């Protein structure tokens, strides 16, 4: 039981770090668009990359012990997607449930699993 509680703490910590990093990166992207001629619609790829960078860091934190990388990556991806959706929706002022959200959650789950598997196996 104690081990499971510790693993949950690792995943929660990974999700929190992911959100913080994503918020900082998105703030930087927003400042860049504010002070340059880059149009906001051109930043979709940059914002996606920013979210995935945050997710990578979160998964690496969640699998610090180097076990169950795929599972911790998957769970970090799921919870990160949900929390990121809530946080960014609160910031934008609108909650939009659509296919894009579904793909975002699916992509984050798969990406988190891949990062988890790679990170655990590279550590060995």
PDB file of N, CA and C in Angstrom:
ATOM      1  N   UNK A   1       0.829  -1.198   0.000  1.00  0.00           N
ATOM      2  CA  UNK A   1       0.000   0.000   0.000  1.00  0.00           C
ATOM      3  C   UNK A   1       0.865   1.251   0.000  1.00  0.00           C
ATOM      4  N   UNK A   2       1.899   1.240   0.784  1.00  0.00           N
ATOM      5  CA  UNK A   2       2.803   2.384   0.893  1.00  0.00           C
ATOM      6  C   UNK A   2       3.489   2.665  -0.445  1.00  0.00           C
ATOM      7  N   UNK A   3       3.827   1.589  -1.172  1.00  0.00           N
ATOM      8  CA  UNK A   3       4.486   1.743  -2.467  1.00  0.00           C
ATOM      9  C   UNK A   3       3.544   2.401  -3.477  1.00  0.00           C
ATOM     10  N   UNK A   4       2.285   2.000  -3.499  1.00  0.00           N
ATOM     11  CA  UNK A   4       1.306   2.596  -4.408  1.00  0.00           C
ATOM     12  C   UNK A   4       1.090   4.072  -4.116  1.00  0.00           C
ATOM     13  N   UNK A   5       1.071   4.415  -2.820  1.00  0.00           N
ATOM     14  CA  UNK A   5       0.900   5.805  -2.425  1.00  0.00           C
ATOM     15  C   UNK A   5       2.077   6.643  -2.940  1.00  0.00           C
ATOM     16  N   UNK A   6       3.282   6.073  -2.875  1.00  0.00           N
ATOM     17  CA  UNK A   6       4.465   6.769  -3.352  1.00  0.00           C
ATOM     18  C   UNK A   6       4.402   6.968  -4.863  1.00  0.00           C
ATOM     19  N   UNK A   7       3.934   5.945  -5.597  1.00  0.00           N
ATOM     20  CA  UNK A   7       3.830   6.051  -7.050  1.00  0.00           C
ATOM     21  C   UNK A   7       2.790   7.096  -7.446  1.00  0.00           C
ATOM     22  N   UNK A   8       1.710   7.188  -6.710  1.00  0.00           N
ATOM     23  CA  UNK A   8       0.703   8.211  -6.981  1.00  0.00           C
ATOM     24  C   UNK A   8       1.301   9.591  -6.754  1.00  0.00           C
ATOM     25  N   UNK A   9       2.102   9.732  -5.691  1.00  0.00           N
ATOM     26  CA  UNK A   9       2.764  11.013  -5.420  1.00  0.00           C
ATOM     27  C   UNK A   9       3.685  11.405  -6.574  1.00  0.00           C
ATOM     28  N   UNK A  10       4.402  10.424  -7.130  1.00  0.00           N
ATOM     29  CA  UNK A  10       5.304  10.697  -8.247  1.00  0.00           C
ATOM     30  C   UNK A  10       4.525  11.186  -9.462  1.00  0.00           C
ATOM     31  N   UNK A  11       3.398  10.558  -9.750  1.00  0.00           N
ATOM     32  CA  UNK A  11       2.586  10.949 -10.901  1.00  0.00           C
ATOM     33  C   UNK A  11       1.999  12.341 -10.692  1.00  0.00           C
ATOM     34  N   UNK A  12       1.484  12.616  -9.503  1.00  0.00           N
ATOM     35  CA  UNK A  12       0.931  13.934  -9.204  1.00  0.00           C
ATOM     36  C   UNK A  12       2.017  15.000  -9.337  1.00  0.00           C
ATOM     37  N   UNK A  13       3.191  14.702  -8.824  1.00  0.00           N
ATOM     38  CA  UNK A  13       4.316  15.637  -8.929  1.00  0.00           C
ATOM     39  C   UNK A  13       4.679  15.867 -10.398  1.00  0.00           C
ATOM     40  N   UNK A  14       4.685  14.800 -11.192  1.00  0.00           N
ATOM     41  CA  UNK A  14       4.973  14.930 -12.611  1.00  0.00           C
ATOM     42  C   UNK A  14       3.949  15.786 -13.331  1.00  0.00           C
ATOM     43  N   UNK A  15       2.676  15.591 -13.009  1.00  0.00           N
ATOM     44  CA  UNK A  15       1.610  16.382 -13.635  1.00  0.00           C
ATOM     45  C   UNK A  15       1.751  17.854 -13.255  1.00  0.00           C
ATOM     46  N   UNK A  16       2.024  18.129 -11.991  1.00  0.00           N
ATOM     47  CA  UNK A  16       2.177  19.522 -11.547  1.00  0.00           C
ATOM     48  C   UNK A  16       3.345  20.202 -12.256  1.00  0.00           C
ATOM     49  N   UNK A  17       4.471  19.514 -12.340  1.00  0.00           N
ATOM     50  CA  UNK A  17       5.621  20.084 -13.048  1.00  0.00           C
ATOM     51  C   UNK A  17       5.288  20.300 -14.520  1.00  0.00           C
ATOM     52  N   UNK A  18       4.566  19.362 -15.128  1.00  0.00           N
ATOM     53  CA  UNK A  18       4.167  19.505 -16.532  1.00  0.00           C
ATOM     54  C   UNK A  18       3.329  20.753 -16.743  1.00  0.00           C
ATOM     55  N   UNK A  19       2.377  20.957 -15.868  1.00  0.00           N
ATOM     56  CA  UNK A  19       1.491  22.118 -15.991  1.00  0.00           C
ATOM     57  C   UNK A  19       2.280  23.411 -15.819  1.00  0.00           C
ATOM     58  N   UNK A  20       3.145  23.447 -14.826  1.00  0.00           N
ATOM     59  CA  UNK A  20       3.935  24.663 -14.587  1.00  0.00           C
ATOM     60  C   UNK A  20       4.820  24.972 -15.792  1.00  0.00           C
ATOM     61  N   UNK A  21       5.504  23.969 -16.306  1.00  0.00           N
ATOM     62  CA  UNK A  21       6.378  24.185 -17.460  1.00  0.00           C
ATOM     63  C   UNK A  21       5.560  24.615 -18.678  1.00  0.00           C
ATOM     64  N   UNK A  22       4.430  23.980 -18.895  1.00  0.00           N
ATOM     65  CA  UNK A  22       3.575  24.355 -20.024  1.00  0.00           C
ATOM     66  C   UNK A  22       3.086  25.795 -19.892  1.00  0.00           C
ATOM     67  N   UNK A  23       2.685  26.182 -18.693  1.00  0.00           N
ATOM     68  CA  UNK A  23       2.225  27.556 -18.480  1.00  0.00           C
ATOM     69  C   UNK A  23       3.334  28.568 -18.753  1.00  0.00           C
ATOM     70  N   UNK A  24       4.532  28.269 -18.274  1.00  0.00           N
ATOM     71  CA  UNK A  24       5.660  29.175 -18.508  1.00  0.00           C
ATOM     72  C   UNK A  24       5.968  29.273 -20.001  1.00  0.00           C
ATOM     73  N   UNK A  25       6.018  28.131 -20.674  1.00  0.00           N
ATOM     74  CA  UNK A  25       6.290  28.146 -22.112  1.00  0.00           C
ATOM     75  C   UNK A  25       5.194  28.872 -22.884  1.00  0.00           C
ATOM     76  N   UNK A  26       3.934  28.668 -22.499  1.00  0.00           N
ATOM     77  CA  UNK A  26       2.838  29.351 -23.173  1.00  0.00           C
ATOM     78  C   UNK A  26       2.877  30.859 -22.910  1.00  0.00           C
ATOM     79  N   UNK A  27       3.315  31.249 -21.721  1.00  0.00           N
ATOM     80  CA  UNK A  27       3.472  32.667 -21.417  1.00  0.00           C
ATOM     81  C   UNK A  27       4.549  33.274 -22.313  1.00  0.00           C
ATOM     82  N   UNK A  28       5.636  32.540 -22.493  1.00  0.00           N
ATOM     83  CA  UNK A  28       6.704  33.013 -23.377  1.00  0.00           C
ATOM     84  C   UNK A  28       6.192  33.152 -24.810  1.00  0.00           C
ATOM     85  N   UNK A  29       5.442  32.156 -25.287  1.00  0.00           N
ATOM     86  CA  UNK A  29       4.870  32.223 -26.634  1.00  0.00           C
ATOM     87  C   UNK A  29       3.928  33.424 -26.746  1.00  0.00           C
ATOM     88  N   UNK A  30       3.127  33.652 -25.731  1.00  0.00           N
ATOM     89  CA  UNK A  30       2.206  34.790 -25.747  1.00  0.00           C
ATOM     90  C   UNK A  30       2.959  36.117 -25.795  1.00  0.00           C
ATOM     91  N   UNK A  31       4.018  36.218 -25.028  1.00  0.00           N
ATOM     92  CA  UNK A  31       4.814  37.446 -25.041  1.00  0.00           C
ATOM     93  C   UNK A  31       5.483  37.654 -26.393  1.00  0.00           C
ATOM     94  N   UNK A  32       5.936  36.575 -26.999  1.00  0.00           N
ATOM     95  CA  UNK A  32       6.554  36.679 -28.326  1.00  0.00           C
ATOM     96  C   UNK A  32       5.537  37.181 -29.350  1.00  0.00           C
ATOM     97  N   UNK A  33       4.313  36.634 -29.293  1.00  0.00           N
ATOM     98  CA  UNK A  33       3.292  37.082 -30.256  1.00  0.00           C
ATOM     99  C   UNK A  33       2.860  38.523 -29.981  1.00  0.00           C
ATOM    100  N   UNK A  34       2.949  38.936 -28.740  1.00  0.00           N
ATOM    101  CA  UNK A  34       2.567  40.297 -28.384  1.00  0.00           C
ATOM    102  C   UNK A  34       3.557  41.319 -28.937  1.00  0.00           C
ATOM    103  N   UNK A  35       4.851  40.978 -28.887  1.00  0.00           N
ATOM    104  CA  UNK A  35       5.876  41.938 -29.273  1.00  0.00           C
ATOM    105  C   UNK A  35       6.478  41.714 -30.653  1.00  0.00           C
ATOM    106  N   UNK A  36       5.927  40.777 -31.432  1.00  0.00           N
ATOM    107  CA  UNK A  36       6.416  40.538 -32.791  1.00  0.00           C
ATOM    108  C   UNK A  36       5.248  40.526 -33.764  1.00  0.00           C
ATOM    109  N   UNK A  37       5.558  40.301 -35.019  1.00  0.00           N
ATOM    110  CA  UNK A  37       4.516  40.258 -36.053  1.00  0.00           C
ATOM    111  C   UNK A  37       3.922  38.874 -36.242  1.00  0.00           C
ATOM    112  N   UNK A  38       4.296  37.910 -35.412  1.00  0.00           N
ATOM    113  CA  UNK A  38       3.765  36.557 -35.528  1.00  0.00           C
ATOM    114  C   UNK A  38       2.285  36.587 -35.165  1.00  0.00           C
ATOM    115  N   UNK A  39       1.479  36.046 -36.026  1.00  0.00           N
ATOM    116  CA  UNK A  39       0.037  36.019 -35.771  1.00  0.00           C
ATOM    117  C   UNK A  39      -0.305  34.862 -34.829  1.00  0.00           C
ATOM    118  N   UNK A  40      -1.327  35.055 -34.048  1.00  0.00           N
ATOM    119  CA  UNK A  40      -1.731  34.070 -33.044  1.00  0.00           C
ATOM    120  C   UNK A  40      -2.078  32.725 -33.664  1.00  0.00           C
ATOM    121  N   UNK A  41      -2.689  32.706 -34.855  1.00  0.00           N
ATOM    122  CA  UNK A  41      -3.051  31.429 -35.465  1.00  0.00           C
ATOM    123  C   UNK A  41      -1.830  30.644 -35.936  1.00  0.00           C
ATOM    124  N   UNK A  42      -0.675  31.288 -36.042  1.00  0.00           N
ATOM    125  CA  UNK A  42       0.553  30.598 -36.428  1.00  0.00           C
ATOM    126  C   UNK A  42       1.240  29.924 -35.242  1.00  0.00           C
ATOM    127  N   UNK A  43       0.695  30.098 -34.068  1.00  0.00           N
ATOM    128  CA  UNK A  43       1.347  29.568 -32.872  1.00  0.00           C
ATOM    129  C   UNK A  43       0.792  28.222 -32.416  1.00  0.00           C
ATOM    130  N   UNK A  44      -0.123  27.639 -33.176  1.00  0.00           N
ATOM    131  CA  UNK A  44      -0.711  26.361 -32.775  1.00  0.00           C
ATOM    132  C   UNK A  44       0.350  25.287 -32.623  1.00  0.00           C
ATOM    133  N   UNK A  45       1.245  25.194 -33.584  1.00  0.00           N
ATOM    134  CA  UNK A  45       2.315  24.199 -33.509  1.00  0.00           C
ATOM    135  C   UNK A  45       3.228  24.486 -32.322  1.00  0.00           C
ATOM    136  N   UNK A  46       3.544  25.744 -32.109  1.00  0.00           N
ATOM    137  CA  UNK A  46       4.419  26.115 -30.992  1.00  0.00           C
ATOM    138  C   UNK A  46       3.765  25.776 -29.663  1.00  0.00           C
ATOM    139  N   UNK A  47       2.475  26.020 -29.535  1.00  0.00           N
ATOM    140  CA  UNK A  47       1.785  25.703 -28.278  1.00  0.00           C
ATOM    141  C   UNK A  47       1.702  24.196 -28.063  1.00  0.00           C
ATOM    142  N   UNK A  48       1.510  23.437 -29.143  1.00  0.00           N
ATOM    143  CA  UNK A  48       1.495  21.974 -29.024  1.00  0.00           C
ATOM    144  C   UNK A  48       2.858  21.468 -28.568  1.00  0.00           C
ATOM    145  N   UNK A  49       3.903  21.996 -29.145  1.00  0.00           N
ATOM    146  CA  UNK A  49       5.255  21.597 -28.746  1.00  0.00           C
ATOM    147  C   UNK A  49       5.507  21.981 -27.289  1.00  0.00           C
ATOM    148  N   UNK A  50       5.043  23.156 -26.889  1.00  0.00           N
ATOM    149  CA  UNK A  50       5.219  23.591 -25.497  1.00  0.00           C
ATOM    150  C   UNK A  50       4.543  22.623 -24.531  1.00  0.00           C
ATOM    151  N   UNK A  51       3.341  22.186 -24.888  1.00  0.00           N
ATOM    152  CA  UNK A  51       2.634  21.230 -24.019  1.00  0.00           C
ATOM    153  C   UNK A  51       3.373  19.899 -23.952  1.00  0.00           C
ATOM    154  N   UNK A  52       3.889  19.450 -25.078  1.00  0.00           N
ATOM    155  CA  UNK A  52       4.580  18.159 -25.087  1.00  0.00           C
ATOM    156  C   UNK A  52       5.918  18.224 -24.352  1.00  0.00           C
ATOM    157  N   UNK A  53       6.589  19.366 -24.403  1.00  0.00           N
ATOM    158  CA  UNK A  53       7.823  19.532 -23.617  1.00  0.00           C
ATOM    159  C   UNK A  53       7.484  19.431 -22.135  1.00  0.00           C
ATOM    160  N   UNK A  54       6.409  20.083 -21.728  1.00  0.00           N
ATOM    161  CA  UNK A  54       5.970  19.980 -20.338  1.00  0.00           C
ATOM    162  C   UNK A  54       5.643  18.551 -19.955  1.00  0.00           C
ATOM    163  N   UNK A  55       4.991  17.828 -20.858  1.00  0.00           N
ATOM    164  CA  UNK A  55       4.634  16.434 -20.596  1.00  0.00           C
ATOM    165  C   UNK A  55       5.876  15.557 -20.467  1.00  0.00           C
ATOM    166  N   UNK A  56       6.863  15.772 -21.323  1.00  0.00           N
ATOM    167  CA  UNK A  56       8.103  14.988 -21.240  1.00  0.00           C
ATOM    168  C   UNK A  56       8.752  15.172 -19.873  1.00  0.00           C
ATOM    169  N   UNK A  57       8.864  16.401 -19.432  1.00  0.00           N
ATOM    170  CA  UNK A  57       9.463  16.662 -18.116  1.00  0.00           C
ATOM    171  C   UNK A  57       8.644  15.999 -17.017  1.00  0.00           C
ATOM    172  N   UNK A  58       7.332  16.094 -17.113  1.00  0.00           N
ATOM    173  CA  UNK A  58       6.468  15.476 -16.112  1.00  0.00           C
ATOM    174  C   UNK A  58       6.627  13.965 -16.048  1.00  0.00           C
ATOM    175  N   UNK A  59       6.706  13.323 -17.201  1.00  0.00           N
ATOM    176  CA  UNK A  59       6.886  11.864 -17.232  1.00  0.00           C
ATOM    177  C   UNK A  59       8.248  11.496 -16.651  1.00  0.00           C
ATOM    178  N   UNK A  60       9.271  12.252 -17.001  1.00  0.00           N
ATOM    179  CA  UNK A  60      10.609  11.956 -16.456  1.00  0.00           C
ATOM    180  C   UNK A  60      10.630  12.086 -14.935  1.00  0.00           C
ATOM    181  N   UNK A  61       9.891  13.027 -14.408  1.00  0.00           N
ATOM    182  CA  UNK A  61       9.795  13.173 -12.952  1.00  0.00           C
ATOM    183  C   UNK A  61       8.992  12.022 -12.362  1.00  0.00           C
ATOM    184  N   UNK A  62       7.913  11.626 -13.028  1.00  0.00           N
ATOM    185  CA  UNK A  62       7.048  10.558 -12.521  1.00  0.00           C
ATOM    186  C   UNK A  62       7.744   9.203 -12.498  1.00  0.00           C
ATOM    187  N   UNK A  63       8.704   8.978 -13.378  1.00  0.00           N
ATOM    188  CA  UNK A  63       9.360   7.666 -13.419  1.00  0.00           C
ATOM    189  C   UNK A  63      10.764   7.708 -12.827  1.00  0.00           C
ATOM    190  N   UNK A  64      10.954   8.569 -11.895  1.00  0.00           N
ATOM    191  CA  UNK A  64      12.269   8.737 -11.277  1.00  0.00           C
ATOM    192  C   UNK A  64      12.851   7.413 -10.786  1.00  0.00           C
ATOM    193  N   UNK A  65      12.011   6.543 -10.277  1.00  0.00           N
ATOM    194  CA  UNK A  65      12.479   5.251  -9.757  1.00  0.00           C
ATOM    195  C   UNK A  65      12.792   4.256 -10.868  1.00  0.00           C
ATOM    196  N   UNK A  66      12.344   4.548 -12.092  1.00  0.00           N
ATOM    197  CA  UNK A  66      12.689   3.706 -13.226  1.00  0.00           C
ATOM    198  C   UNK A  66      11.913   2.410 -13.348  1.00  0.00           C
ATOM    199  N   UNK A  67      10.697   2.377 -12.860  1.00  0.00           N
ATOM    200  CA  UNK A  67       9.858   1.190 -12.983  1.00  0.00           C
ATOM    201  C   UNK A  67       8.497   1.591 -13.548  1.00  0.00           C
ATOM    202  N   UNK A  68       7.883   0.659 -14.276  1.00  0.00           N
ATOM    203  CA  UNK A  68       6.542   0.871 -14.840  1.00  0.00           C
ATOM    204  C   UNK A  68       6.460   2.152 -15.657  1.00  0.00           C
ATOM    205  N   UNK A  69       7.439   2.366 -16.503  1.00  0.00           N
ATOM    206  CA  UNK A  69       7.495   3.590 -17.300  1.00  0.00           C
ATOM    207  C   UNK A  69       6.280   3.793 -18.174  1.00  0.00           C
ATOM    208  N   UNK A  70       5.811   2.727 -18.807  1.00  0.00           N
ATOM    209  CA  UNK A  70       4.651   2.855 -19.693  1.00  0.00           C
ATOM    210  C   UNK A  70       3.409   3.268 -18.920  1.00  0.00           C
ATOM    211  N   UNK A  71       3.214   2.679 -17.719  1.00  0.00           N
ATOM    212  CA  UNK A  71       2.024   2.973 -16.924  1.00  0.00           C
ATOM    213  C   UNK A  71       2.086   4.385 -16.347  1.00  0.00           C
ATOM    214  N   UNK A  72       3.235   4.747 -15.796  1.00  0.00           N
ATOM    215  CA  UNK A  72       3.378   6.093 -15.242  1.00  0.00           C
ATOM    216  C   UNK A  72       3.290   7.141 -16.342  1.00  0.00           C
ATOM    217  N   UNK A  73       3.837   6.832 -17.518  1.00  0.00           N
ATOM    218  CA  UNK A  73       3.739   7.753 -18.649  1.00  0.00           C
ATOM    219  C   UNK A  73       2.306   7.922 -19.102  1.00  0.00           C
ATOM    220  N   UNK A  74       1.578   6.819 -19.179  1.00  0.00           N
ATOM    221  CA  UNK A  74       0.176   6.851 -19.574  1.00  0.00           C
ATOM    222  C   UNK A  74      -0.649   7.671 -18.588  1.00  0.00           C
ATOM    223  N   UNK A  75      -0.490   7.378 -17.298  1.00  0.00           N
ATOM    224  CA  UNK A  75      -1.271   8.092 -16.281  1.00  0.00           C
ATOM    225  C   UNK A  75      -0.901   9.566 -16.212  1.00  0.00           C
ATOM    226  N   UNK A  76       0.381   9.859 -16.339  1.00  0.00           N
ATOM    227  CA  UNK A  76       0.803  11.256 -16.355  1.00  0.00           C
ATOM    228  C   UNK A  76       0.186  11.971 -17.563  1.00  0.00           C
ATOM    229  N   UNK A  77       0.169  11.302 -18.711  1.00  0.00           N
ATOM    230  CA  UNK A  77      -0.434  11.881 -19.908  1.00  0.00           C
ATOM    231  C   UNK A  77      -1.923  12.142 -19.749  1.00  0.00           C
ATOM    232  N   UNK A  78      -2.641  11.187 -19.173  1.00  0.00           N
ATOM    233  CA  UNK A  78      -4.091  11.339 -18.972  1.00  0.00           C
ATOM    234  C   UNK A  78      -4.378  12.508 -18.037  1.00  0.00           C
ATOM    235  N   UNK A  79      -3.748  12.478 -16.862  1.00  0.00           N
ATOM    236  CA  UNK A  79      -4.037  13.514 -15.872  1.00  0.00           C
ATOM    237  C   UNK A  79      -3.519  14.883 -16.313  1.00  0.00           C
ATOM    238  N   UNK A  80      -2.390  14.891 -17.001  1.00  0.00           N
ATOM    239  CA  UNK A  80      -1.875  16.155 -17.537  1.00  0.00           C
ATOM    240  C   UNK A  80      -2.882  16.750 -18.518  1.00  0.00           C
ATOM    241  N   UNK A  81      -3.406  15.931 -19.418  1.00  0.00           N
ATOM    242  CA  UNK A  81      -4.367  16.421 -20.412  1.00  0.00           C
ATOM    243  C   UNK A  81      -5.596  17.021 -19.750  1.00  0.00           C
ATOM    244  N   UNK A  82      -6.103  16.329 -18.757  1.00  0.00           N
ATOM    245  CA  UNK A  82      -7.307  16.797 -18.069  1.00  0.00           C
ATOM    246  C   UNK A  82      -7.039  18.102 -17.319  1.00  0.00           C
ATOM    247  N   UNK A  83      -5.961  18.127 -16.562  1.00  0.00           N
ATOM    248  CA  UNK A  83      -5.632  19.332 -15.786  1.00  0.00           C
ATOM    249  C   UNK A  83      -5.289  20.487 -16.728  1.00  0.00           C
ATOM    250  N   UNK A  84      -4.522  20.211 -17.787  1.00  0.00           N
ATOM    251  CA  UNK A  84      -4.160  21.261 -18.743  1.00  0.00           C
ATOM    252  C   UNK A  84      -5.419  21.821 -19.408  1.00  0.00           C
ATOM    253  N   UNK A  85      -6.359  20.947 -19.756  1.00  0.00           N
ATOM    254  CA  UNK A  85      -7.611  21.413 -20.354  1.00  0.00           C
ATOM    255  C   UNK A  85      -8.334  22.362 -19.409  1.00  0.00           C
ATOM    256  N   UNK A  86      -8.429  21.976 -18.148  1.00  0.00           N
ATOM    257  CA  UNK A  86      -9.117  22.816 -17.162  1.00  0.00           C
ATOM    258  C   UNK A  86      -8.396  24.147 -16.983  1.00  0.00           C
ATOM    259  N   UNK A  87      -7.074  24.096 -16.795  1.00  0.00           N
ATOM    260  CA  UNK A  87      -6.296  25.317 -16.553  1.00  0.00           C
ATOM    261  C   UNK A  87      -6.366  26.261 -17.754  1.00  0.00           C
ATOM    262  N   UNK A  88      -6.099  25.726 -18.952  1.00  0.00           N
ATOM    263  CA  UNK A  88      -6.100  26.589 -20.132  1.00  0.00           C
ATOM    264  C   UNK A  88      -7.508  27.058 -20.492  1.00  0.00           C
ATOM    265  N   UNK A  89      -8.525  26.277 -20.172  1.00  0.00           N
ATOM    266  CA  UNK A  89      -9.904  26.724 -20.396  1.00  0.00           C
ATOM    267  C   UNK A  89     -10.272  27.853 -19.444  1.00  0.00           C
ATOM    268  N   UNK A  90      -9.820  27.749 -18.212  1.00  0.00           N
ATOM    269  CA  UNK A  90     -10.071  28.832 -17.254  1.00  0.00           C
ATOM    270  C   UNK A  90      -9.377  30.114 -17.701  1.00  0.00           C
ATOM    271  N   UNK A  91      -8.170  29.968 -18.228  1.00  0.00           N
ATOM    272  CA  UNK A  91      -7.431  31.144 -18.695  1.00  0.00           C
ATOM    273  C   UNK A  91      -8.129  31.776 -19.898  1.00  0.00           C
ATOM    274  N   UNK A  92      -8.574  30.948 -20.832  1.00  0.00           N
ATOM    275  CA  UNK A  92      -9.208  31.476 -22.045  1.00  0.00           C
ATOM    276  C   UNK A  92     -10.657  31.891 -21.814  1.00  0.00           C
ATOM    277  N   UNK A  93     -11.264  31.354 -20.766  1.00  0.00           N
ATOM    278  CA  UNK A  93     -12.642  31.715 -20.452  1.00  0.00           C
ATOM    279  C   UNK A  93     -13.686  30.886 -21.173  1.00  0.00           C
ATOM    280  N   UNK A  94     -13.262  29.809 -21.851  1.00  0.00           N
ATOM    281  CA  UNK A  94     -14.240  28.963 -22.535  1.00  0.00           C
ATOM    282  C   UNK A  94     -13.833  27.491 -22.468  1.00  0.00           C
ATOM    283  N   UNK A  95     -14.829  26.664 -22.169  1.00  0.00           N
ATOM    284  CA  UNK A  95     -14.628  25.219 -22.107  1.00  0.00           C
ATOM    285  C   UNK A  95     -15.238  24.622 -23.379  1.00  0.00           C
ATOM    286  N   UNK A  96     -14.385  24.093 -24.244  1.00  0.00           N
ATOM    287  CA  UNK A  96     -14.868  23.532 -25.503  1.00  0.00           C
ATOM    288  C   UNK A  96     -14.549  22.041 -25.523  1.00  0.00           C
ATOM    289  N   UNK A  97     -15.618  21.229 -25.508  1.00  0.00           N
ATOM    290  CA  UNK A  97     -15.469  19.783 -25.588  1.00  0.00           C
ATOM    291  C   UNK A  97     -15.697  19.383 -27.050  1.00  0.00           C
ATOM    292  N   UNK A  98     -14.613  18.999 -27.712  1.00  0.00           N
ATOM    293  CA  UNK A  98     -14.742  18.614 -29.109  1.00  0.00           C
ATOM    294  C   UNK A  98     -13.735  17.510 -29.450  1.00  0.00           C
ATOM    295  N   UNK A  99     -13.647  17.202 -30.752  1.00  0.00           N
ATOM    296  CA  UNK A  99     -12.723  16.156 -31.195  1.00  0.00           C
ATOM    297  C   UNK A  99     -11.275  16.512 -30.886  1.00  0.00           C
ATOM    298  N   UNK A 100     -10.959  17.780 -30.949  1.00  0.00           N
ATOM    299  CA  UNK A 100      -9.584  18.216 -30.693  1.00  0.00           C
ATOM    300  C   UNK A 100      -9.176  17.835 -29.270  1.00  0.00           C
ATOM    301  N   UNK A 101     -10.066  18.018 -28.320  1.00  0.00           N
ATOM    302  CA  UNK A 101      -9.780  17.626 -26.938  1.00  0.00           C
ATOM    303  C   UNK A 101      -9.561  16.123 -26.848  1.00  0.00           C
ATOM    304  N   UNK A 102     -10.382  15.357 -27.514  1.00  0.00           N
ATOM    305  CA  UNK A 102     -10.222  13.902 -27.514  1.00  0.00           C
ATOM    306  C   UNK A 102      -8.888  13.482 -28.097  1.00  0.00           C
ATOM    307  N   UNK A 103      -8.509  14.091 -29.229  1.00  0.00           N
ATOM    308  CA  UNK A 103      -7.212  13.782 -29.835  1.00  0.00           C
ATOM    309  C   UNK A 103      -6.058  14.222 -28.950  1.00  0.00           C
ATOM    310  N   UNK A 104      -6.237  15.356 -28.278  1.00  0.00           N
ATOM    311  CA  UNK A 104      -5.195  15.857 -27.375  1.00  0.00           C
ATOM    312  C   UNK A 104      -4.963  14.877 -26.227  1.00  0.00           C
ATOM    313  N   UNK A 105      -6.040  14.374 -25.649  1.00  0.00           N
ATOM    314  CA  UNK A 105      -5.919  13.400 -24.560  1.00  0.00           C
ATOM    315  C   UNK A 105      -5.289  12.112 -25.075  1.00  0.00           C
ATOM    316  N   UNK A 106      -5.758  11.627 -26.208  1.00  0.00           N
ATOM    317  CA  UNK A 106      -5.204  10.407 -26.795  1.00  0.00           C
ATOM    318  C   UNK A 106      -3.716  10.565 -27.119  1.00  0.00           C
ATOM    319  N   UNK A 107      -3.369  11.684 -27.749  1.00  0.00           N
ATOM    320  CA  UNK A 107      -1.975  11.932 -28.104  1.00  0.00           C
ATOM    321  C   UNK A 107      -1.094  12.024 -26.862  1.00  0.00           C
ATOM    322  N   UNK A 108      -1.575  12.705 -25.830  1.00  0.00           N
ATOM    323  CA  UNK A 108      -0.795  12.834 -24.594  1.00  0.00           C
ATOM    324  C   UNK A 108      -0.598  11.479 -23.914  1.00  0.00           C
ATOM    325  N   UNK A 109      -1.613  10.627 -23.965  1.00  0.00           N
ATOM    326  CA  UNK A 109      -1.492   9.283 -23.389  1.00  0.00           C
ATOM    327  C   UNK A 109      -0.430   8.469 -24.132  1.00  0.00           C
ATOM    328  N   UNK A 110      -0.531   8.459 -25.445  1.00  0.00           N
ATOM    329  CA  UNK A 110       0.426   7.690 -26.255  1.00  0.00           C
ATOM    330  C   UNK A 110       1.823   8.260 -26.112  1.00  0.00           C
ATOM    331  N   UNK A 111       1.934   9.590 -26.201  1.00  0.00           N
ATOM    332  CA  UNK A 111       3.235  10.236 -26.082  1.00  0.00           C
ATOM    333  C   UNK A 111       3.840   9.991 -24.699  1.00  0.00           C
ATOM    334  N   UNK A 112       3.021  10.084 -23.659  1.00  0.00           N
ATOM    335  CA  UNK A 112       3.499   9.819 -22.299  1.00  0.00           C
ATOM    336  C   UNK A 112       3.994   8.393 -22.133  1.00  0.00           C
ATOM    337  N   UNK A 113       3.252   7.436 -22.723  1.00  0.00           N
ATOM    338  CA  UNK A 113       3.681   6.032 -22.655  1.00  0.00           C
ATOM    339  C   UNK A 113       5.017   5.833 -23.364  1.00  0.00           C
ATOM    340  N   UNK A 114       5.167   6.408 -24.544  1.00  0.00           N
ATOM    341  CA  UNK A 114       6.408   6.256 -25.300  1.00  0.00           C
ATOM    342  C   UNK A 114       7.578   6.863 -24.535  1.00  0.00           C
ATOM    343  N   UNK A 115       7.393   8.055 -23.995  1.00  0.00           N
ATOM    344  CA  UNK A 115       8.458   8.695 -23.212  1.00  0.00           C
ATOM    345  C   UNK A 115       8.791   7.848 -21.987  1.00  0.00           C
ATOM    346  N   UNK A 116       7.769   7.315 -21.321  1.00  0.00           N
ATOM    347  CA  UNK A 116       7.990   6.468 -20.147  1.00  0.00           C
ATOM    348  C   UNK A 116       8.791   5.214 -20.473  1.00  0.00           C
ATOM    349  N   UNK A 117       8.419   4.535 -21.556  1.00  0.00           N
ATOM    350  CA  UNK A 117       9.131   3.326 -21.966  1.00  0.00           C
ATOM    351  C   UNK A 117      10.568   3.637 -22.324  1.00  0.00           C
ATOM    352  N   UNK A 118      10.761   4.682 -23.119  1.00  0.00           N
ATOM    353  CA  UNK A 118      12.119   5.052 -23.532  1.00  0.00           C
ATOM    354  C   UNK A 118      12.981   5.459 -22.334  1.00  0.00           C
ATOM    355  N   UNK A 119      12.415   6.255 -21.458  1.00  0.00           N
ATOM    356  CA  UNK A 119      13.187   6.736 -20.310  1.00  0.00           C
ATOM    357  C   UNK A 119      13.595   5.606 -19.384  1.00  0.00           C
ATOM    358  N   UNK A 120      12.704   4.660 -19.140  1.00  0.00           N
ATOM    359  CA  UNK A 120      13.034   3.530 -18.267  1.00  0.00           C
ATOM    360  C   UNK A 120      14.114   2.664 -18.901  1.00  0.00           C
ATOM    361  N   UNK A 121      14.001   2.435 -20.207  1.00  0.00           N
ATOM    362  CA  UNK A 121      14.971   1.560 -20.875  1.00  0.00           C
ATOM    363  C   UNK A 121      16.308   2.245 -21.134  1.00  0.00           C
ATOM    364  N   UNK A 122      16.330   3.551 -21.271  1.00  0.00           N
ATOM    365  CA  UNK A 122      17.589   4.258 -21.456  1.00  0.00           C
ATOM    366  C   UNK A 122      18.368   4.294 -20.143  1.00  0.00           C
ATOM    367  N   UNK A 123      17.658   4.357 -19.023  1.00  0.00           N
ATOM    368  CA  UNK A 123      18.302   4.391 -17.703  1.00  0.00           C
ATOM    369  C   UNK A 123      19.051   3.100 -17.399  1.00  0.00           C
ATOM    370  N   UNK A 124      18.629   1.984 -18.004  1.00  0.00           N
ATOM    371  CA  UNK A 124      19.211   0.682 -17.669  1.00  0.00           C
ATOM    372  C   UNK A 124      20.583   0.509 -18.224  1.00  0.00           C
TER     373      UNK A 124
END
